[in-house]
Amino acid sequence: MVRWSRTMVFTSLLFALCVSLLGRDSASATGPVHLPPVHAIHVNCQDPGGGDGSQSAPLNSLSEASAANLQPGQSLLFQRGTVCSGALGVQDSGTAGDPIRIGAYGKGPLPQIVGNGPDAVLLENASNVTVEDLEITNPGTPDTPRRGVHVVADGKLVEDVTLEKLFIHDVDGDLQKDTGGTGGIQLDALGTTPYGRFDQITISDNQIDNVSRSGIFIVGTQNSDRPDSSKPWPFGSTAIVVSGNSLDHLAGDGIVATGTVGAVLKDNAVSDGNEAGTPYNEPGAICDAGIWAWNANSTLIEDNIVSHMEFNGCDGEGYDVDYNQDGTIVQDNISEDNGGGFILFCTDKYPHHGDVRYNLSIDDAATIEDAPCDIGAGNIGTLNGIRMYNNTIVAPTPLAALEMLPLSSLFNPGDFVFVNNIVVATTPQSTPLPCGDDCSNNLFFGLPSSGTNALNGNPLLKDPVGRGTTRESIAKGFQIDRKSPAVGAGVPVTGGATQDFFGHPVPTVTPPAIGFDQPPVRAS
């Protein structure tokens, strides 16, 4: 009989434990070990050591950050108060429930990414991604393309991308727009077999300053066979929302949506744009406006402020209902002191419907710019399908123009509708406002009346001299007194808006008021 010493027992147990562990390792070796990813990868480009991406040993270059192979639910975070130079490229996607987040950590000012090439930040075929809380610049020369943030869908559907709370400034490049153009934020859907496109894109609460050429420019498809807005367009980008952004000092356009269906451009402030504008008859003409759409259906442009767009020979309007669009609504906006005027209407031969309603135009150089815009193709067309109603216009000389050449009538109005508008000339003038053949129930003050059933007299604006600083406070001074002749003097507009600029309901039983304000009716 073998007697076991304590030493022999301990040795045997230790051997058995080792065999068990080895067996477990051998079993796991038959397939990869899927360890859960760390929640966040940290980047501090001013850390001399570099490391594994932990907060204590962060990555220290944009090239390392670009190669991080982000997984759904992970975050790529940059240390506040630091600067990274180069380019950040992301090709990874999250999932609907676990998006990838690119942002900041720590305390202090926003982390800076300073680009040195075409794109400071590039998202390429990356879905379910949020980029936020970064300061982005991309200096360059006038002959090179430069973008702050560039989002690309190359032959694929890119969805659920959010760009928010970014400070993008000093993006200095060439003056190209459209696909691959220079700008603060550029979205490009590329490819034709299949077409690339976007869905559920949110661009919100960003500050964009001193960029060339465009502030925010969206190319939603390379497909040019857009039907009218009553028909489906499967190649257009959908669920695009651009809201709450502030854009200032722009070489060209403020916000442009192209290749989109149902884009919403809302609550944005654009100022000092078209700074590089040049006449349309010069080589390389630069013609830009504040907010508009092209090759697009059912665009909603509402609750924005556009001011101080420059006119250097072409455009410079606050808003634009361009050719090659259909179903555009421009409502509840403010246009103030724009050198090219309140709004551009392009004629041209395309499906072309739009409503411009319940807006306030203050001190704009012209009320309407009216022109065939597809000049190279020889298209003339009319303003058929365009309605302009219940707007309040106050300016020294609220005339219409053809690229700033005053006309005695609109260029080619067709069945253009101009009704229920207040038009005030703060400098008395003898020239009436041309408003086409379907012009009725407008109130004019300081200039001769136009159209049928017109009123001529003081609209009794509450305080048009005292200006506020916000959209709402500016607009309040241009509301009408309850004793205004504009009250109840309008005509119903079929299929028109149900609310005015201030959210008051538009009367359906009694006639509406003229202008952008429908004073609430007091109970008797």
Protein backbone atom coordinates (compact mmCIF):
# COMPACT_ATOMS: atom_id res chain seq x y z
CA MET A 1 0.00 0.00 0.00
CA VAL A 2 1.39 3.32 -1.12
CA ARG A 3 1.29 6.05 1.44
CA TRP A 4 0.94 9.63 0.11
CA SER A 5 2.92 12.34 1.75
CA ARG A 6 1.60 15.85 1.98
CA THR A 7 4.15 16.88 -0.63
CA MET A 8 2.99 14.17 -3.05
CA VAL A 9 -0.67 15.19 -2.65
CA PHE A 10 0.08 18.86 -3.28
CA THR A 11 2.17 17.99 -6.34
CA SER A 12 -0.59 15.81 -7.75
CA LEU A 13 -3.24 18.47 -7.26
CA LEU A 14 -1.04 21.10 -8.89
CA PHE A 15 -0.45 18.79 -11.87
CA ALA A 16 -4.20 18.19 -12.27
CA LEU A 17 -4.92 21.90 -12.16
CA CYS A 18 -2.33 22.57 -14.85
CA VAL A 19 -3.78 19.82 -17.06
CA SER A 20 -7.24 21.36 -16.62
CA LEU A 21 -6.02 24.83 -17.58
CA LEU A 22 -4.06 23.50 -20.53
CA GLY A 23 -7.11 21.64 -21.71
CA ARG A 24 -9.21 24.79 -21.49
CA ASP A 25 -6.61 26.74 -23.48
CA SER A 26 -6.36 23.96 -26.03
CA ALA A 27 -10.12 24.03 -26.53
CA SER A 28 -10.16 27.80 -26.98
CA ALA A 29 -7.33 27.62 -29.46
CA THR A 30 -9.65 26.00 -31.97
CA GLY A 31 -11.28 29.44 -32.71
CA PRO A 32 -10.58 33.15 -32.20
CA VAL A 33 -11.04 34.72 -28.81
CA HIS A 34 -13.60 37.52 -29.15
CA LEU A 35 -12.81 39.82 -26.27
CA PRO A 36 -15.23 42.71 -25.91
CA PRO A 37 -13.65 45.95 -27.25
CA VAL A 38 -12.70 48.68 -24.85
CA HIS A 39 -15.41 51.30 -24.68
CA ALA A 40 -13.17 54.19 -25.74
CA ILE A 41 -9.94 54.72 -27.62
CA HIS A 42 -8.19 57.89 -26.51
CA VAL A 43 -6.03 60.19 -28.64
CA ASN A 44 -3.63 62.91 -27.48
CA CYS A 45 -1.39 64.02 -30.31
CA GLN A 46 0.79 65.96 -27.87
CA ASP A 47 1.56 62.97 -25.70
CA PRO A 48 5.24 62.11 -26.33
CA GLY A 49 5.00 58.43 -25.55
CA GLY A 50 1.93 57.16 -27.33
CA GLY A 51 0.40 53.88 -26.30
CA ASP A 52 -2.47 51.47 -26.55
CA GLY A 53 -5.33 54.00 -26.67
CA SER A 54 -6.16 53.88 -22.99
CA GLN A 55 -6.62 57.18 -21.21
CA SER A 56 -3.28 56.74 -19.44
CA ALA A 57 -1.48 55.74 -22.65
CA PRO A 58 -3.35 57.40 -25.54
CA LEU A 59 -2.60 57.16 -29.23
CA ASN A 60 -0.67 60.21 -30.36
CA SER A 61 -1.28 60.66 -34.10
CA LEU A 62 -4.15 60.90 -36.56
CA SER A 63 -2.64 58.06 -38.59
CA GLU A 64 -2.92 55.77 -35.55
CA ALA A 65 -6.44 57.01 -34.86
CA SER A 66 -7.43 56.37 -38.49
CA ALA A 67 -6.19 52.77 -38.21
CA ALA A 68 -8.04 52.06 -34.97
CA ASN A 69 -10.53 49.61 -36.56
CA LEU A 70 -13.47 50.92 -34.57
CA GLN A 71 -16.17 48.47 -33.55
CA PRO A 72 -19.90 49.12 -32.98
CA GLY A 73 -20.42 50.94 -29.71
CA GLN A 74 -16.83 52.21 -29.48
CA SER A 75 -15.76 55.81 -29.11
CA LEU A 76 -12.71 57.54 -30.54
CA LEU A 77 -12.04 60.45 -28.19
CA PHE A 78 -9.57 63.32 -28.50
CA GLN A 79 -8.09 65.06 -25.48
CA ARG A 80 -9.53 68.54 -25.02
CA GLY A 81 -7.05 71.35 -25.28
CA THR A 82 -4.78 69.48 -27.70
CA VAL A 83 -4.03 69.78 -31.43
CA CYS A 84 -3.70 67.01 -34.03
CA SER A 85 -2.35 67.75 -37.50
CA GLY A 86 -3.00 65.70 -40.61
CA ALA A 87 -6.18 63.83 -41.57
CA LEU A 88 -8.61 61.62 -39.71
CA GLY A 89 -10.11 58.91 -41.91
CA VAL A 90 -12.90 56.61 -40.75
CA GLN A 91 -14.21 53.67 -42.77
CA ASP A 92 -15.78 51.74 -39.91
CA SER A 93 -19.51 51.48 -39.20
CA GLY A 94 -21.48 51.06 -36.05
CA THR A 95 -24.93 49.52 -35.87
CA ALA A 96 -28.36 51.00 -35.29
CA GLY A 97 -28.18 50.13 -31.61
CA ASP A 98 -24.45 50.71 -31.14
CA PRO A 99 -23.17 53.65 -33.18
CA ILE A 100 -19.54 54.72 -33.29
CA ARG A 101 -18.86 58.05 -31.58
CA ILE A 102 -16.00 60.40 -32.42
CA GLY A 103 -15.64 63.22 -29.95
CA ALA A 104 -13.75 64.66 -26.99
CA TYR A 105 -12.72 63.74 -23.45
CA GLY A 106 -11.30 65.65 -20.52
CA LYS A 107 -11.73 69.30 -19.64
CA GLY A 108 -10.90 72.46 -21.54
CA PRO A 109 -11.42 73.80 -25.07
CA LEU A 110 -12.42 71.57 -27.96
CA PRO A 111 -9.66 69.37 -29.35
CA GLN A 112 -8.40 70.66 -32.70
CA ILE A 113 -7.87 68.77 -35.92
CA VAL A 114 -5.80 70.82 -38.36
CA GLY A 115 -5.97 69.36 -41.84
CA ASN A 116 -3.13 69.45 -44.34
CA GLY A 117 -4.84 67.92 -47.36
CA PRO A 118 -8.22 67.68 -49.11
CA ASP A 119 -10.08 66.49 -45.99
CA ALA A 120 -9.44 67.17 -42.33
CA VAL A 121 -12.05 64.54 -41.37
CA LEU A 122 -13.22 61.93 -43.89
CA LEU A 123 -16.03 59.43 -43.29
CA GLU A 124 -16.00 56.97 -46.18
CA ASN A 125 -18.87 54.48 -46.49
CA ALA A 126 -19.24 54.69 -42.70
CA SER A 127 -22.75 54.30 -41.27
CA ASN A 128 -24.09 54.72 -37.74
CA VAL A 129 -21.43 57.25 -36.78
CA THR A 130 -21.63 60.44 -34.70
CA VAL A 131 -18.94 63.13 -34.92
CA GLU A 132 -19.19 65.84 -32.28
CA ASP A 133 -17.29 68.29 -30.06
CA LEU A 134 -14.31 68.93 -32.33
CA GLU A 135 -12.68 72.08 -33.68
CA ILE A 136 -11.66 71.56 -37.30
CA THR A 137 -9.62 73.72 -39.66
CA ASN A 138 -8.02 72.98 -43.03
CA PRO A 139 -5.82 75.75 -44.42
CA GLY A 140 -4.72 75.60 -48.04
CA THR A 141 -4.20 77.62 -51.18
CA PRO A 142 -6.72 78.92 -53.77
CA ASP A 143 -5.82 76.15 -56.23
CA THR A 144 -6.39 73.16 -53.94
CA PRO A 145 -9.61 71.51 -52.68
CA ARG A 146 -10.15 71.69 -48.95
CA ARG A 147 -12.94 70.41 -46.74
CA GLY A 148 -13.51 70.40 -43.00
CA VAL A 149 -15.69 67.29 -42.79
CA HIS A 150 -16.27 65.13 -45.87
CA VAL A 151 -18.86 62.33 -45.80
CA VAL A 152 -18.79 59.95 -48.79
CA ALA A 153 -21.22 57.24 -49.91
CA ASP A 154 -19.41 55.55 -52.79
CA GLY A 155 -21.82 53.17 -54.51
CA LYS A 156 -23.45 52.31 -51.18
CA LEU A 157 -26.16 53.45 -48.82
CA VAL A 158 -24.67 55.40 -45.92
CA GLU A 159 -27.14 55.90 -43.10
CA ASP A 160 -27.50 57.32 -39.62
CA VAL A 161 -24.62 59.80 -39.59
CA THR A 162 -24.73 62.74 -37.18
CA LEU A 163 -22.43 65.76 -37.33
CA GLU A 164 -23.09 68.03 -34.37
CA LYS A 165 -21.54 70.65 -32.12
CA LEU A 166 -18.50 71.09 -34.38
CA PHE A 167 -16.58 74.34 -34.80
CA ILE A 168 -15.31 74.37 -38.38
CA HIS A 169 -13.38 77.41 -39.53
CA ASP A 170 -10.63 78.67 -41.82
CA VAL A 171 -11.11 76.06 -44.53
CA ASP A 172 -9.13 77.75 -47.28
CA GLY A 173 -9.23 76.13 -50.70
CA ASP A 174 -10.44 76.56 -54.27
CA LEU A 175 -13.88 77.79 -55.31
CA GLN A 176 -15.28 74.51 -56.60
CA LYS A 177 -18.72 73.32 -55.55
CA ASP A 178 -20.95 70.34 -56.39
CA THR A 179 -19.31 66.89 -56.16
CA GLY A 180 -15.92 67.14 -54.51
CA GLY A 181 -16.31 70.83 -53.83
CA THR A 182 -14.55 72.84 -51.16
CA GLY A 183 -16.43 73.71 -47.99
CA GLY A 184 -17.01 73.38 -44.28
CA ILE A 185 -19.15 70.24 -44.49
CA GLN A 186 -19.42 68.35 -47.79
CA LEU A 187 -21.53 65.24 -48.42
CA ASP A 188 -20.88 63.35 -51.67
CA ALA A 189 -22.95 60.39 -52.90
CA LEU A 190 -20.82 58.82 -55.63
CA GLY A 191 -21.20 56.00 -58.09
CA THR A 192 -23.83 54.97 -60.64
CA THR A 193 -23.77 51.13 -60.62
CA PRO A 194 -25.11 51.21 -58.01
CA TYR A 195 -25.79 54.78 -57.00
CA GLY A 196 -24.50 55.90 -53.65
CA ARG A 197 -26.98 57.72 -51.44
CA PHE A 198 -27.63 58.84 -47.87
CA ASP A 199 -30.43 58.19 -45.41
CA GLN A 200 -30.95 59.65 -41.91
CA ILE A 201 -28.24 62.29 -41.91
CA THR A 202 -28.35 64.95 -39.19
CA ILE A 203 -26.16 68.07 -39.37
CA SER A 204 -27.00 70.17 -36.34
CA ASP A 205 -25.76 72.86 -33.96
CA ASN A 206 -22.45 73.42 -35.74
CA GLN A 207 -20.59 76.70 -36.08
CA ILE A 208 -18.98 77.26 -39.49
CA ASP A 209 -16.90 80.37 -40.09
CA ASN A 210 -14.53 81.63 -42.78
CA VAL A 211 -14.73 78.83 -45.31
CA SER A 212 -14.43 78.55 -49.04
CA ARG A 213 -16.55 77.82 -50.97
CA SER A 214 -19.70 76.42 -49.36
CA GLY A 215 -20.79 76.24 -45.75
CA ILE A 216 -22.79 72.99 -45.96
CA PHE A 217 -23.19 71.34 -49.37
CA ILE A 218 -25.00 68.04 -49.92
CA VAL A 219 -24.71 65.97 -53.10
CA GLY A 220 -27.29 63.26 -52.49
CA THR A 221 -27.02 61.34 -55.76
CA GLN A 222 -25.33 61.22 -59.14
CA ASN A 223 -28.70 60.41 -60.73
CA SER A 224 -30.07 63.22 -62.89
CA ASP A 225 -33.41 61.61 -63.88
CA ARG A 226 -35.38 63.25 -61.11
CA PRO A 227 -39.16 62.88 -61.52
CA ASP A 228 -41.60 65.46 -60.22
CA SER A 229 -42.25 65.43 -56.51
CA SER A 230 -45.46 63.36 -56.73
CA LYS A 231 -43.50 60.30 -57.85
CA PRO A 232 -40.93 58.18 -56.01
CA TRP A 233 -37.26 58.75 -56.67
CA PRO A 234 -35.34 55.77 -55.24
CA PHE A 235 -31.94 57.24 -56.10
CA GLY A 236 -32.33 60.42 -54.06
CA SER A 237 -31.01 60.76 -50.53
CA THR A 238 -33.64 60.78 -47.80
CA ALA A 239 -34.22 61.96 -44.22
CA ILE A 240 -31.62 64.74 -44.43
CA VAL A 241 -31.95 67.30 -41.60
CA VAL A 242 -29.77 70.42 -41.38
CA SER A 243 -30.77 72.40 -38.30
CA GLY A 244 -29.51 74.85 -35.72
CA ASN A 245 -26.27 75.68 -37.54
CA SER A 246 -24.57 79.08 -37.58
CA LEU A 247 -22.62 79.98 -40.74
CA ASP A 248 -20.69 83.20 -41.25
CA HIS A 249 -18.15 84.61 -43.72
CA LEU A 250 -18.54 82.26 -46.65
CA ALA A 251 -16.94 82.58 -50.07
CA GLY A 252 -20.08 81.12 -51.64
CA ASP A 253 -23.32 79.40 -50.65
CA GLY A 254 -24.60 78.89 -47.13
CA ILE A 255 -26.59 75.63 -47.18
CA VAL A 256 -27.42 73.66 -50.34
CA ALA A 257 -29.27 70.35 -50.67
CA THR A 258 -28.98 68.58 -54.03
CA GLY A 259 -30.06 65.08 -54.99
CA THR A 260 -32.41 64.85 -52.00
CA VAL A 261 -36.02 63.94 -51.28
CA GLY A 262 -37.73 65.69 -48.38
CA ALA A 263 -34.64 67.44 -46.99
CA VAL A 264 -35.36 69.73 -44.01
CA LEU A 265 -33.23 72.89 -43.70
CA LYS A 266 -34.43 74.48 -40.47
CA ASP A 267 -33.45 76.95 -37.74
CA ASN A 268 -30.13 77.92 -39.31
CA ALA A 269 -28.45 81.34 -39.41
CA VAL A 270 -26.41 82.29 -42.47
CA SER A 271 -24.62 85.62 -42.84
CA ASP A 272 -21.97 87.31 -44.97
CA GLY A 273 -21.97 84.84 -47.84
CA ASN A 274 -21.19 85.04 -51.57
CA GLU A 275 -18.06 86.99 -50.66
CA ALA A 276 -16.28 85.70 -53.77
CA GLY A 277 -19.27 86.36 -56.06
CA THR A 278 -18.53 87.47 -59.62
CA PRO A 279 -20.84 88.31 -62.58
CA TYR A 280 -22.49 85.41 -64.40
CA ASN A 281 -21.07 86.58 -67.75
CA GLU A 282 -17.47 86.30 -66.57
CA PRO A 283 -15.36 83.11 -66.88
CA GLY A 284 -15.59 81.07 -63.71
CA ALA A 285 -18.54 83.05 -62.40
CA ILE A 286 -19.35 82.60 -58.72
CA CYS A 287 -23.09 82.87 -58.12
CA ASP A 288 -24.29 81.86 -54.66
CA ALA A 289 -27.23 82.31 -52.32
CA GLY A 290 -27.97 81.71 -48.66
CA ILE A 291 -30.14 78.56 -48.57
CA TRP A 292 -31.52 76.63 -51.54
CA ALA A 293 -32.00 73.27 -53.25
CA TRP A 294 -31.32 71.85 -56.72
CA ASN A 295 -32.07 68.52 -58.38
CA ALA A 296 -34.24 67.95 -55.34
CA ASN A 297 -37.84 67.19 -54.41
CA SER A 298 -40.02 68.36 -51.51
CA THR A 299 -37.38 70.43 -49.74
CA LEU A 300 -38.56 72.29 -46.63
CA ILE A 301 -36.70 75.52 -45.86
CA GLU A 302 -38.13 77.04 -42.69
CA ASP A 303 -37.37 79.10 -39.57
CA ASN A 304 -33.99 80.31 -40.86
CA ILE A 305 -32.32 83.73 -40.88
CA VAL A 306 -30.16 84.76 -43.84
CA SER A 307 -28.52 88.17 -43.79
CA HIS A 308 -25.86 90.24 -45.51
CA MET A 309 -25.30 88.05 -48.53
CA GLU A 310 -23.09 90.04 -50.86
CA PHE A 311 -23.82 90.99 -54.45
CA ASN A 312 -20.74 91.28 -56.65
CA GLY A 313 -22.46 90.82 -59.98
CA CYS A 314 -24.39 87.59 -59.47
CA ASP A 315 -26.96 86.20 -57.01
CA GLY A 316 -26.44 87.11 -53.34
CA GLU A 317 -30.07 86.39 -52.42
CA GLY A 318 -31.21 85.06 -49.08
CA TYR A 319 -33.15 82.14 -50.60
CA ASP A 320 -33.64 80.54 -54.00
CA VAL A 321 -36.32 78.43 -55.66
CA ASP A 322 -34.06 77.26 -58.43
CA TYR A 323 -34.73 75.32 -61.59
CA ASN A 324 -34.51 71.51 -61.54
CA GLN A 325 -36.40 71.20 -58.26
CA ASP A 326 -39.98 70.51 -57.38
CA GLY A 327 -42.20 70.89 -54.35
CA THR A 328 -39.94 73.30 -52.45
CA ILE A 329 -41.49 75.17 -49.52
CA VAL A 330 -39.80 78.31 -48.16
CA GLN A 331 -41.68 79.38 -45.05
CA ASP A 332 -41.36 81.26 -41.76
CA ASN A 333 -37.88 82.58 -42.58
CA ILE A 334 -36.24 85.99 -42.17
CA SER A 335 -34.22 87.57 -44.96
CA GLU A 336 -32.38 90.73 -43.96
CA ASP A 337 -30.14 93.16 -45.84
CA ASN A 338 -29.15 90.77 -48.62
CA GLY A 339 -27.37 92.46 -51.51
CA GLY A 340 -28.98 90.25 -54.14
CA GLY A 341 -32.48 90.42 -52.68
CA PHE A 342 -34.91 88.25 -50.76
CA ILE A 343 -35.44 85.37 -53.18
CA LEU A 344 -34.35 84.16 -56.60
CA PHE A 345 -36.88 82.48 -58.89
CA CYS A 346 -35.39 80.59 -61.81
CA THR A 347 -37.64 80.03 -64.79
CA ASP A 348 -36.37 77.27 -67.14
CA LYS A 349 -38.22 74.21 -68.44
CA TYR A 350 -38.33 71.70 -65.61
CA PRO A 351 -41.01 70.34 -63.26
CA HIS A 352 -41.18 73.36 -61.06
CA HIS A 353 -43.49 73.96 -58.10
CA GLY A 354 -42.87 75.84 -54.92
CA ASP A 355 -44.51 77.92 -52.20
CA VAL A 356 -42.84 80.95 -50.62
CA ARG A 357 -45.02 81.88 -47.66
CA TYR A 358 -45.13 83.60 -44.26
CA ASN A 359 -41.59 84.99 -44.55
CA LEU A 360 -40.24 88.38 -43.44
CA SER A 361 -37.96 90.33 -45.78
CA ILE A 362 -36.22 93.38 -44.28
CA ASP A 363 -34.04 95.86 -46.18
CA ASP A 364 -33.22 93.42 -48.97
CA ALA A 365 -31.96 95.01 -52.19
CA ALA A 366 -34.83 93.49 -54.18
CA THR A 367 -37.89 91.43 -53.38
CA ILE A 368 -37.66 89.05 -56.33
CA GLU A 369 -34.73 88.13 -58.53
CA ASP A 370 -36.17 86.59 -61.69
CA ALA A 371 -34.07 84.95 -64.38
CA PRO A 372 -33.55 81.95 -66.64
CA CYS A 373 -30.74 80.26 -64.75
CA ASP A 374 -29.88 77.39 -67.12
CA ILE A 375 -28.53 79.89 -69.61
CA GLY A 376 -26.03 77.55 -71.24
CA ALA A 377 -28.79 75.12 -72.27
CA GLY A 378 -30.92 77.89 -73.71
CA ASN A 379 -33.87 77.17 -71.42
CA ILE A 380 -36.23 80.06 -70.84
CA GLY A 381 -39.43 78.76 -69.27
CA THR A 382 -41.79 80.55 -66.90
CA LEU A 383 -42.59 80.78 -63.22
CA ASN A 384 -45.51 78.39 -63.62
CA GLY A 385 -46.24 76.57 -60.37
CA ILE A 386 -44.61 79.14 -58.08
CA ARG A 387 -46.75 80.82 -55.42
CA MET A 388 -45.65 83.69 -53.19
CA TYR A 389 -48.18 84.55 -50.52
CA ASN A 390 -48.56 86.00 -47.02
CA ASN A 391 -45.07 87.46 -46.85
CA THR A 392 -44.19 90.80 -45.23
CA ILE A 393 -41.64 92.84 -47.18
CA VAL A 394 -40.14 96.07 -45.84
CA ALA A 395 -37.30 97.68 -47.82
CA PRO A 396 -36.20 101.01 -49.28
CA THR A 397 -36.94 99.86 -52.86
CA PRO A 398 -38.82 96.55 -52.92
CA LEU A 399 -38.65 96.02 -56.68
CA ALA A 400 -38.21 92.94 -58.81
CA ALA A 401 -35.06 92.51 -60.86
CA LEU A 402 -33.41 90.37 -63.51
CA GLU A 403 -29.98 89.78 -61.96
CA MET A 404 -30.31 93.26 -60.49
CA LEU A 405 -31.56 94.95 -63.67
CA PRO A 406 -34.89 96.57 -62.73
CA LEU A 407 -37.83 95.53 -64.91
CA SER A 408 -41.26 96.99 -65.48
CA SER A 409 -42.64 93.43 -65.26
CA LEU A 410 -41.47 89.99 -64.25
CA PHE A 411 -39.30 88.32 -66.86
CA ASN A 412 -41.70 85.52 -67.78
CA PRO A 413 -44.23 85.01 -64.98
CA GLY A 414 -46.65 82.50 -66.49
CA ASP A 415 -49.18 81.55 -63.78
CA PHE A 416 -46.98 82.83 -60.94
CA VAL A 417 -49.20 83.68 -57.94
CA PHE A 418 -48.54 86.73 -55.73
CA VAL A 419 -51.28 87.22 -53.11
CA ASN A 420 -51.78 88.36 -49.51
CA ASN A 421 -48.37 90.06 -49.23
CA ILE A 422 -47.54 93.30 -47.39
CA VAL A 423 -45.04 95.40 -49.35
CA VAL A 424 -43.66 98.54 -47.67
CA ALA A 425 -41.22 100.94 -49.32
CA THR A 426 -39.44 102.84 -46.57
CA THR A 427 -38.22 105.28 -49.23
CA PRO A 428 -41.27 106.45 -51.19
CA GLN A 429 -41.12 105.39 -54.84
CA SER A 430 -43.17 105.90 -57.96
CA THR A 431 -42.49 102.51 -59.55
CA PRO A 432 -44.91 99.70 -58.69
CA LEU A 433 -43.76 96.19 -57.83
CA PRO A 434 -44.22 93.88 -60.84
CA CYS A 435 -46.09 90.81 -59.67
CA GLY A 436 -47.51 89.08 -62.75
CA ASP A 437 -51.08 88.47 -63.85
CA ASP A 438 -52.18 86.46 -60.78
CA CYS A 439 -51.52 89.26 -58.32
CA SER A 440 -54.29 90.14 -55.86
CA ASN A 441 -55.16 91.17 -52.31
CA ASN A 442 -51.77 92.63 -51.49
CA LEU A 443 -51.21 95.71 -49.32
CA PHE A 444 -48.78 98.37 -50.58
CA PHE A 445 -47.43 101.32 -48.62
CA GLY A 446 -44.95 103.85 -49.96
CA LEU A 447 -45.30 102.68 -53.56
CA PRO A 448 -48.14 102.37 -56.10
CA SER A 449 -50.48 99.40 -55.92
CA SER A 450 -50.23 96.41 -58.23
CA GLY A 451 -52.74 93.77 -59.27
CA THR A 452 -56.39 93.44 -58.31
CA ASN A 453 -58.17 93.99 -54.99
CA ALA A 454 -55.07 95.78 -53.70
CA LEU A 455 -54.95 97.94 -50.59
CA ASN A 456 -52.77 101.01 -50.29
CA GLY A 457 -52.10 102.36 -46.83
CA ASN A 458 -50.19 102.01 -43.59
CA PRO A 459 -50.26 98.37 -42.42
CA LEU A 460 -49.69 99.51 -38.82
CA LEU A 461 -46.63 97.39 -38.06
CA LYS A 462 -46.01 97.34 -34.31
CA ASP A 463 -42.34 98.43 -34.16
CA PRO A 464 -40.40 98.01 -37.41
CA VAL A 465 -37.59 100.27 -36.21
CA GLY A 466 -36.70 98.57 -32.93
CA ARG A 467 -34.91 95.37 -33.98
CA GLY A 468 -34.23 92.40 -31.75
CA THR A 469 -31.34 89.98 -32.02
CA THR A 470 -33.14 86.66 -32.42
CA ARG A 471 -35.49 85.45 -35.11
CA GLU A 472 -38.51 85.82 -32.85
CA SER A 473 -37.57 89.21 -31.39
CA ILE A 474 -36.82 90.64 -34.83
CA ALA A 475 -40.14 89.43 -36.20
CA LYS A 476 -42.29 90.79 -33.36
CA GLY A 477 -41.75 94.38 -34.49
CA PHE A 478 -43.30 93.57 -37.87
CA GLN A 479 -46.52 92.09 -36.54
CA ILE A 480 -49.63 94.04 -37.41
CA ASP A 481 -51.88 95.90 -35.02
CA ARG A 482 -55.37 94.47 -34.64
CA LYS A 483 -56.67 97.65 -36.27
CA SER A 484 -54.49 97.17 -39.35
CA PRO A 485 -56.29 97.26 -42.71
CA ALA A 486 -54.50 93.99 -43.45
CA VAL A 487 -56.64 92.08 -40.92
CA GLY A 488 -59.19 89.93 -42.74
CA ALA A 489 -58.29 91.41 -46.13
CA GLY A 490 -56.63 88.36 -47.68
CA VAL A 491 -57.99 85.45 -49.69
CA PRO A 492 -57.73 81.76 -48.81
CA VAL A 493 -54.94 79.87 -50.56
CA THR A 494 -55.82 76.35 -51.63
CA GLY A 495 -53.53 73.82 -50.00
CA GLY A 496 -51.68 76.58 -48.19
CA ALA A 497 -50.06 76.75 -44.77
CA THR A 498 -52.15 76.10 -41.67
CA GLN A 499 -50.01 78.30 -39.38
CA ASP A 500 -48.36 81.70 -39.72
CA PHE A 501 -44.79 82.68 -38.87
CA PHE A 502 -45.61 82.79 -35.14
CA GLY A 503 -47.51 79.51 -35.03
CA HIS A 504 -50.94 81.16 -35.01
CA PRO A 505 -53.58 79.25 -36.98
CA VAL A 506 -54.54 80.56 -40.40
CA PRO A 507 -58.30 81.26 -40.46
CA THR A 508 -60.36 78.80 -42.47
CA VAL A 509 -63.85 80.26 -41.99
CA THR A 510 -63.07 83.98 -42.15
CA PRO A 511 -60.63 85.58 -44.64
CA PRO A 512 -57.00 85.53 -43.53
CA ALA A 513 -54.94 88.62 -42.84
CA ILE A 514 -52.47 89.94 -45.38
CA GLY A 515 -48.82 89.42 -44.43
CA PHE A 516 -46.84 86.90 -42.39
CA ASP A 517 -48.81 87.52 -39.18
CA GLN A 518 -52.31 86.20 -38.45
CA PRO A 519 -53.38 88.02 -35.26
CA PRO A 520 -55.26 85.66 -32.93
CA VAL A 521 -58.98 86.43 -32.83
CA ARG A 522 -60.15 87.41 -29.35
CA ALA A 523 -63.19 85.70 -27.98
CA SER A 524 -66.14 88.07 -27.95
